[in-house]
Amino acid sequence: MTNTIAIVLGLIIVAVIAVDYALFGSDHLIFLGKRMFELLDWIAFWR
């Protein structure tokens, strides 16, 4: 992955999060953050 692709993907992710926050509030982000933490914990267990 080149630096340009990484920067574009990062900007897209930040833009999607900003739009989600503007339209729906922070409840979705908190829920997804908790689920992502649980997923990472589960993956680390099986590693």
Protein backbone atom coordinates (compact mmCIF):
# COMPACT_ATOMS: atom_id res chain seq x y z
CA MET A 1 0.00 0.00 0.00
CA THR A 2 1.42 3.34 -0.99
CA ASN A 3 1.24 6.47 1.13
CA THR A 4 -1.27 8.04 -1.24
CA ILE A 5 -3.66 5.11 -0.96
CA ALA A 6 -3.33 5.05 2.82
CA ILE A 7 -4.07 8.78 3.08
CA VAL A 8 -7.10 8.52 0.79
CA LEU A 9 -8.50 5.55 2.72
CA GLY A 10 -7.91 7.37 6.01
CA LEU A 11 -9.72 10.46 4.74
CA ILE A 12 -12.63 8.35 3.51
CA ILE A 13 -12.96 6.65 6.89
CA VAL A 14 -12.83 9.98 8.74
CA ALA A 15 -15.44 11.46 6.36
CA VAL A 16 -17.79 8.50 6.85
CA ILE A 17 -17.45 8.77 10.63
CA ALA A 18 -18.10 12.53 10.49
CA VAL A 19 -21.23 12.06 8.36
CA ASP A 20 -22.49 9.29 10.65
CA TYR A 21 -21.93 11.49 13.69
CA ALA A 22 -23.64 14.47 12.06
CA LEU A 23 -26.70 12.51 10.96
CA PHE A 24 -27.20 9.96 13.72
CA GLY A 25 -25.23 11.13 16.76
CA SER A 26 -22.61 9.26 18.73
CA ASP A 27 -24.66 6.23 19.82
CA HIS A 28 -23.64 4.18 16.79
CA LEU A 29 -19.98 5.00 17.19
CA ILE A 30 -19.96 4.00 20.85
CA PHE A 31 -21.72 0.72 20.03
CA LEU A 32 -19.35 -0.06 17.17
CA GLY A 33 -16.33 0.83 19.30
CA LYS A 34 -17.41 -1.56 22.02
CA ARG A 35 -18.06 -4.33 19.50
CA MET A 36 -14.69 -3.74 17.85
CA PHE A 37 -12.94 -3.99 21.22
CA GLU A 38 -14.76 -7.28 21.92
CA LEU A 39 -13.76 -8.59 18.48
CA LEU A 40 -10.11 -7.68 19.03
CA ASP A 41 -10.16 -9.33 22.44
CA TRP A 42 -11.69 -12.47 20.94
CA ILE A 43 -9.13 -12.56 18.10
CA ALA A 44 -6.28 -12.09 20.59
CA PHE A 45 -7.61 -15.03 22.60
CA TRP A 46 -7.48 -17.36 19.58
CA ARG A 47 -4.07 -16.16 18.56
